[in-house]
């Protein structure tokens, strides 16, 4: 619910933006004629979580009140929301601010995985791991963490990797998500296991092995998929989608039209993808890479499930 709140009652302390507001951005917002989105405020402390520039712009316009949406969670969660909000929209946080925010989130939410904290703070999971290692206490006493999907997984996933390697060897067509669910590891870990198997390596990295002297036999190789799609594949996809668009069973149903819109996205050529990739802003690359990977895994699972339907009706 959006309410009008006196600007003088709001606090602007404890912001993840340590350098303060950008005067030019405030000026740009102040001349906008249409109403700006409401700011987010932590109700218990009346601290501005998201919208500091909009608040300053309202003050510059001489306003006494501003539209507010309240957040009622804990202060630590309010800070996480502030970081996430300033990473995904508006004027982005600097790299220094994002790293500093990640260090604080590691301290307040140590049970969160590196990938989960990375998705909130807008930096790479490897960078989060480095920050965690340098933090006081490091990884002492940790046995498991909560992943981005909300599932709890052990930090040492050696057993999960071994289970995943067996599943992949038995059925290479399984999606990363399907294997991850059974092995209780993340889809990214399954991807690493699969890549190691393709190279004929042990699916368990040396640092993750138990020091009990047991020998590790490299997992069997699995067929390596083509790394780079053929440049003519885009034209083939466009032709296939064009045929589907002519099918009344898809054209005249809402679900069918949704499917066609989704498939149409993948008809662009590699040259067009190259242009898109080059234009991704540096501060958005981590999030875009994560979302692209998630989308790829979802489409893989869709492909497996639809192919199983083909086998059922054959």
Protein backbone atom coordinates (compact mmCIF):
# COMPACT_ATOMS: atom_id res chain seq x y z
CA UNK A 1 0.00 0.00 0.00
CA UNK A 2 1.31 3.44 -0.94
CA UNK A 3 0.93 6.28 1.57
CA UNK A 4 1.96 9.94 1.72
CA UNK A 5 4.65 10.59 4.34
CA UNK A 6 6.25 13.80 5.64
CA UNK A 7 9.74 14.08 4.15
CA UNK A 8 11.07 15.44 7.43
CA UNK A 9 10.19 12.20 9.22
CA UNK A 10 12.48 10.08 7.02
CA UNK A 11 16.05 8.99 7.73
CA UNK A 12 18.72 8.64 5.03
CA UNK A 13 21.39 6.90 7.14
CA UNK A 14 22.97 3.48 6.57
CA UNK A 15 22.73 3.61 2.78
CA UNK A 16 24.79 1.16 0.69
CA UNK A 17 25.62 4.17 -1.52
CA UNK A 18 28.57 5.43 0.53
CA UNK A 19 29.39 8.29 -1.85
CA UNK A 20 25.96 9.85 -1.31
CA UNK A 21 23.57 11.10 -3.98
CA UNK A 22 24.54 12.15 -7.50
CA UNK A 23 23.50 15.83 -7.92
CA UNK A 24 23.08 15.47 -11.68
CA UNK A 25 20.77 12.49 -11.26
CA UNK A 26 18.73 14.41 -8.68
CA UNK A 27 18.41 17.34 -11.10
CA UNK A 28 17.29 15.00 -13.89
CA UNK A 29 14.59 13.48 -11.68
CA UNK A 30 13.44 16.89 -10.45
CA UNK A 31 12.42 18.00 -13.95
CA UNK A 32 10.39 14.86 -14.69
CA UNK A 33 6.75 15.86 -15.14
CA UNK A 34 5.14 12.50 -14.50
CA UNK A 35 4.89 11.13 -10.92
CA UNK A 36 7.94 9.10 -9.90
CA UNK A 37 7.54 5.63 -8.36
CA UNK A 38 7.08 5.58 -4.57
CA UNK A 39 10.19 5.17 -2.45
CA UNK A 40 10.63 2.21 -0.09
CA UNK A 41 11.00 2.90 3.63
CA UNK A 42 11.81 0.63 6.58
CA UNK A 43 8.81 1.26 8.82
CA UNK A 44 10.47 0.50 12.22
CA UNK A 45 13.31 2.98 11.63
CA UNK A 46 11.76 5.22 8.91
CA UNK A 47 15.01 4.78 6.98
CA UNK A 48 14.91 5.13 3.21
CA UNK A 49 15.69 1.74 1.66
CA UNK A 50 15.24 2.62 -2.00
CA UNK A 51 14.64 6.04 -3.55
CA UNK A 52 17.18 8.42 -2.03
CA UNK A 53 17.54 10.33 -5.32
CA UNK A 54 13.76 10.55 -5.68
CA UNK A 55 13.58 11.91 -2.13
CA UNK A 56 16.16 14.61 -2.88
CA UNK A 57 14.37 15.46 -6.11
CA UNK A 58 11.11 15.92 -4.20
CA UNK A 59 12.89 18.21 -1.73
CA UNK A 60 14.32 20.20 -4.66
CA UNK A 61 10.79 20.63 -6.01
CA UNK A 62 9.69 22.00 -2.64
CA UNK A 63 7.47 19.08 -1.75
CA UNK A 64 6.70 18.39 1.90
CA UNK A 65 5.40 14.84 1.41
CA UNK A 66 6.39 11.89 -0.76
CA UNK A 67 4.75 8.59 -1.77
CA UNK A 68 6.07 5.70 0.31
CA UNK A 69 5.81 1.90 0.38
CA UNK A 70 6.72 0.38 3.74
CA UNK A 71 8.95 -2.62 4.43
CA UNK A 72 8.37 -4.23 7.85
CA UNK A 73 11.21 -6.73 8.01
CA UNK A 74 14.38 -6.78 10.11
CA UNK A 75 17.08 -4.13 9.68
CA UNK A 76 19.52 -6.64 8.17
CA UNK A 77 16.91 -7.65 5.60
CA UNK A 78 16.17 -3.99 4.92
CA UNK A 79 19.82 -3.48 4.00
CA UNK A 80 19.72 -6.50 1.67
CA UNK A 81 16.64 -5.02 -0.04
CA UNK A 82 18.42 -1.66 -0.34
CA UNK A 83 21.38 -3.29 -2.08
CA UNK A 84 19.23 -5.42 -4.37
CA UNK A 85 17.06 -2.45 -5.33
CA UNK A 86 20.05 -0.27 -6.18
CA UNK A 87 21.63 -3.02 -8.26
CA UNK A 88 18.61 -3.88 -10.41
CA UNK A 89 17.32 -0.40 -11.26
CA UNK A 90 18.02 3.31 -11.00
CA UNK A 91 21.54 4.68 -10.62
CA UNK A 92 23.69 1.56 -10.04
CA UNK A 93 25.98 1.16 -7.06
CA UNK A 94 29.71 1.42 -7.67
CA UNK A 95 31.78 -1.75 -7.65
CA UNK A 96 33.33 -0.68 -4.34
CA UNK A 97 29.88 -0.21 -2.80
CA UNK A 98 28.71 -3.58 -4.09
CA UNK A 99 31.74 -5.37 -2.64
CA UNK A 100 31.34 -3.57 0.68
CA UNK A 101 27.65 -4.50 0.70
CA UNK A 102 28.48 -8.15 -0.06
CA UNK A 103 30.87 -8.24 2.90
CA UNK A 104 28.15 -6.94 5.19
CA UNK A 105 25.58 -9.42 3.86
CA UNK A 106 28.07 -12.26 4.41
CA UNK A 107 28.32 -11.15 8.05
CA UNK A 108 24.55 -10.84 8.58
CA UNK A 109 23.46 -13.78 6.40
CA UNK A 110 26.37 -16.27 6.56
CA UNK A 111 24.00 -19.11 5.72
CA UNK A 112 23.44 -17.72 2.22
CA UNK A 113 25.45 -19.23 -0.63
CA UNK A 114 28.00 -17.21 -2.59
CA UNK A 115 25.75 -17.33 -5.64
CA UNK A 116 22.75 -16.04 -3.70
CA UNK A 117 24.72 -13.12 -2.25
CA UNK A 118 26.17 -12.43 -5.70
CA UNK A 119 22.69 -12.18 -7.21
CA UNK A 120 21.74 -9.60 -4.57
CA UNK A 121 24.90 -7.51 -4.68
CA UNK A 122 25.52 -7.61 -8.43
CA UNK A 123 29.03 -9.08 -8.33
CA UNK A 124 30.42 -12.45 -9.40
CA UNK A 125 30.04 -15.50 -7.10
CA UNK A 126 33.82 -15.95 -7.18
CA UNK A 127 34.27 -12.42 -5.86
CA UNK A 128 31.83 -13.17 -3.03
CA UNK A 129 33.81 -16.32 -2.23
CA UNK A 130 37.04 -14.29 -2.04
CA UNK A 131 35.39 -11.74 0.27
CA UNK A 132 34.08 -14.55 2.48
CA UNK A 133 37.52 -16.17 2.72
CA UNK A 134 39.09 -12.88 3.82
CA UNK A 135 36.35 -12.16 6.37
CA UNK A 136 37.05 -12.84 10.08
CA UNK A 137 36.21 -16.47 10.78
CA UNK A 138 36.05 -17.31 7.08
CA UNK A 139 34.16 -20.57 6.62
CA UNK A 140 34.73 -21.90 10.14
CA UNK A 141 31.95 -24.17 11.35
CA UNK A 142 29.92 -23.97 8.14
CA UNK A 143 28.48 -27.24 6.88
CA UNK A 144 25.70 -26.07 4.56
CA UNK A 145 24.27 -22.97 2.92
CA UNK A 146 20.99 -21.79 1.43
CA UNK A 147 21.14 -21.51 -2.34
CA UNK A 148 19.46 -19.03 -4.66
CA UNK A 149 16.62 -21.51 -5.16
CA UNK A 150 15.97 -21.66 -1.40
CA UNK A 151 17.36 -25.16 -0.97
CA UNK A 152 19.91 -26.05 1.72
CA UNK A 153 23.02 -27.76 0.36
CA UNK A 154 26.25 -28.99 2.01
CA UNK A 155 29.35 -26.91 1.36
CA UNK A 156 31.37 -30.03 0.59
CA UNK A 157 29.32 -31.51 -2.23
CA UNK A 158 31.69 -34.38 -3.05
CA UNK A 159 28.99 -37.02 -2.57
CA UNK A 160 26.51 -34.97 -4.58
CA UNK A 161 29.04 -34.67 -7.38
CA UNK A 162 29.54 -38.42 -7.44
CA UNK A 163 25.78 -39.03 -7.58
CA UNK A 164 25.47 -36.45 -10.36
CA UNK A 165 28.24 -38.10 -12.39
CA UNK A 166 26.46 -41.45 -12.17
CA UNK A 167 23.16 -39.93 -13.29
CA UNK A 168 24.79 -38.12 -16.21
CA UNK A 169 26.65 -41.26 -17.30
CA UNK A 170 23.41 -43.27 -17.21
CA UNK A 171 21.27 -40.64 -18.95
CA UNK A 172 23.13 -37.73 -20.60
CA UNK A 173 19.79 -36.23 -21.75
CA UNK A 174 18.79 -35.25 -18.21
CA UNK A 175 18.73 -31.50 -17.61
CA UNK A 176 21.00 -29.85 -15.07
CA UNK A 177 18.01 -29.06 -12.90
CA UNK A 178 16.81 -32.66 -12.89
CA UNK A 179 20.23 -33.94 -11.84
CA UNK A 180 20.60 -31.15 -9.27
CA UNK A 181 17.33 -32.08 -7.59
CA UNK A 182 18.33 -35.71 -7.18
CA UNK A 183 21.96 -35.05 -6.16
CA UNK A 184 21.10 -32.12 -3.85
CA UNK A 185 23.64 -29.82 -5.46
CA UNK A 186 23.22 -26.66 -7.51
CA UNK A 187 22.65 -26.73 -11.30
CA UNK A 188 25.96 -24.88 -11.72
CA UNK A 189 27.76 -27.64 -9.83
CA UNK A 190 26.09 -30.20 -12.10
CA UNK A 191 27.31 -28.18 -15.09
CA UNK A 192 30.86 -28.35 -13.72
CA UNK A 193 30.53 -32.10 -13.16
CA UNK A 194 29.32 -32.60 -16.73
CA UNK A 195 32.16 -30.48 -18.14
CA UNK A 196 34.72 -32.46 -16.14
CA UNK A 197 33.25 -35.70 -17.42
CA UNK A 198 33.48 -34.41 -20.98
CA UNK A 199 37.21 -33.83 -20.42
CA UNK A 200 37.61 -37.25 -18.81
CA UNK A 201 38.42 -35.73 -15.41
CA UNK A 202 37.31 -36.70 -11.92
CA UNK A 203 33.96 -35.01 -11.21
CA UNK A 204 35.19 -34.16 -7.69
CA UNK A 205 37.86 -31.42 -7.70
CA UNK A 206 41.02 -32.20 -5.79
CA UNK A 207 40.19 -29.62 -3.11
CA UNK A 208 36.81 -31.33 -2.49
CA UNK A 209 38.13 -34.86 -2.02
CA UNK A 210 38.23 -36.57 1.33
CA UNK A 211 41.75 -37.13 2.59
CA UNK A 212 41.25 -40.79 3.40
CA UNK A 213 43.64 -42.10 0.79
CA UNK A 214 40.97 -43.52 -1.51
CA UNK A 215 41.72 -43.46 -5.21
CA UNK A 216 39.52 -41.49 -7.52
CA UNK A 217 38.80 -42.92 -10.92
CA UNK A 218 37.86 -40.38 -13.59
CA UNK A 219 34.24 -40.60 -14.60
CA UNK A 220 33.36 -41.91 -18.05
CA UNK A 221 33.28 -39.35 -20.81
CA UNK A 222 29.95 -38.08 -22.08
CA UNK A 223 29.42 -36.80 -25.62
CA UNK A 224 30.56 -33.20 -26.01
CA UNK A 225 27.88 -30.95 -27.51
CA UNK A 226 28.79 -28.41 -30.11
CA UNK A 227 30.10 -25.35 -28.25
CA UNK A 228 29.24 -22.80 -30.92
CA UNK A 229 25.96 -23.05 -32.84
CA UNK A 230 26.13 -23.06 -36.60
CA UNK A 231 25.64 -19.63 -38.16
CA UNK A 232 22.86 -21.03 -40.35
CA UNK A 233 21.01 -22.42 -37.34
CA UNK A 234 19.22 -19.10 -36.79
CA UNK A 235 17.70 -19.31 -40.26
CA UNK A 236 16.62 -22.90 -39.61
CA UNK A 237 14.98 -21.85 -36.36
CA UNK A 238 13.24 -18.94 -38.04
CA UNK A 239 11.86 -21.27 -40.71
CA UNK A 240 10.61 -23.74 -38.09
CA UNK A 241 8.93 -20.98 -36.09
CA UNK A 242 7.33 -19.62 -39.25
CA UNK A 243 5.75 -23.02 -39.88
CA UNK A 244 4.46 -23.12 -36.31
CA UNK A 245 2.94 -19.65 -36.71
CA UNK A 246 0.86 -20.97 -39.58
CA UNK A 247 -0.62 -23.73 -37.41
CA UNK A 248 -4.16 -22.76 -36.27
CA UNK A 249 -3.80 -24.92 -33.15
CA UNK A 250 -1.18 -22.45 -31.91
CA UNK A 251 -2.34 -19.21 -33.53
CA UNK A 252 -5.86 -19.31 -32.12
CA UNK A 253 -5.08 -20.14 -28.48
CA UNK A 254 -3.59 -17.89 -25.80
CA UNK A 255 -1.12 -20.55 -24.69
CA UNK A 256 -0.12 -21.17 -28.29
CA UNK A 257 0.52 -17.48 -28.95
CA UNK A 258 2.60 -17.27 -25.77
CA UNK A 259 4.70 -20.21 -26.95
CA UNK A 260 5.19 -18.61 -30.37
CA UNK A 261 6.34 -15.34 -28.78
CA UNK A 262 8.86 -17.21 -26.64
CA UNK A 263 10.19 -19.22 -29.57
CA UNK A 264 10.42 -16.15 -31.78
CA UNK A 265 13.05 -14.66 -29.45
CA UNK A 266 15.45 -17.44 -30.40
CA UNK A 267 15.29 -16.83 -34.15
CA UNK A 268 17.85 -14.02 -34.11
CA UNK A 269 21.31 -14.74 -35.53
CA UNK A 270 24.60 -15.06 -33.69
CA UNK A 271 25.66 -11.72 -35.15
CA UNK A 272 22.66 -10.09 -33.47
CA UNK A 273 23.48 -11.86 -30.20
CA UNK A 274 27.05 -10.58 -30.47
CA UNK A 275 25.74 -7.02 -30.75
CA UNK A 276 23.45 -7.52 -27.75
CA UNK A 277 26.25 -9.01 -25.65
CA UNK A 278 28.60 -6.13 -26.47
CA UNK A 279 25.99 -3.60 -25.33
CA UNK A 280 25.31 -5.16 -21.92
CA UNK A 281 26.46 -2.57 -19.32
CA UNK A 282 29.39 -3.82 -17.21
CA UNK A 283 27.45 -3.57 -13.95
CA UNK A 284 24.64 -5.75 -15.39
CA UNK A 285 26.76 -8.52 -16.89
CA UNK A 286 26.72 -10.78 -13.85
CA UNK A 287 22.93 -10.64 -13.54
CA UNK A 288 22.44 -11.10 -17.30
CA UNK A 289 24.79 -14.10 -17.31
CA UNK A 290 22.91 -15.65 -14.38
CA UNK A 291 19.50 -15.11 -16.01
CA UNK A 292 20.75 -16.43 -19.37
CA UNK A 293 22.05 -19.58 -17.68
CA UNK A 294 18.79 -20.07 -15.81
CA UNK A 295 16.80 -19.60 -19.04
CA UNK A 296 19.01 -22.10 -20.84
CA UNK A 297 18.39 -24.71 -18.16
CA UNK A 298 14.64 -24.09 -18.23
CA UNK A 299 14.57 -24.53 -22.02
CA UNK A 300 16.64 -27.72 -21.71
CA UNK A 301 14.13 -29.13 -19.27
CA UNK A 302 11.25 -28.09 -21.56
CA UNK A 303 12.99 -29.86 -24.46
CA UNK A 304 13.41 -33.07 -22.46
CA UNK A 305 9.80 -33.08 -21.29
CA UNK A 306 8.36 -32.31 -24.74
CA UNK A 307 10.58 -34.97 -26.30
CA UNK A 308 9.20 -37.47 -23.78
CA UNK A 309 5.71 -36.54 -24.98
CA UNK A 310 6.84 -37.26 -28.55
CA UNK A 311 7.97 -40.72 -27.44
CA UNK A 312 4.64 -41.34 -25.71
CA UNK A 313 2.62 -40.55 -28.84
CA UNK A 314 4.98 -42.30 -31.29
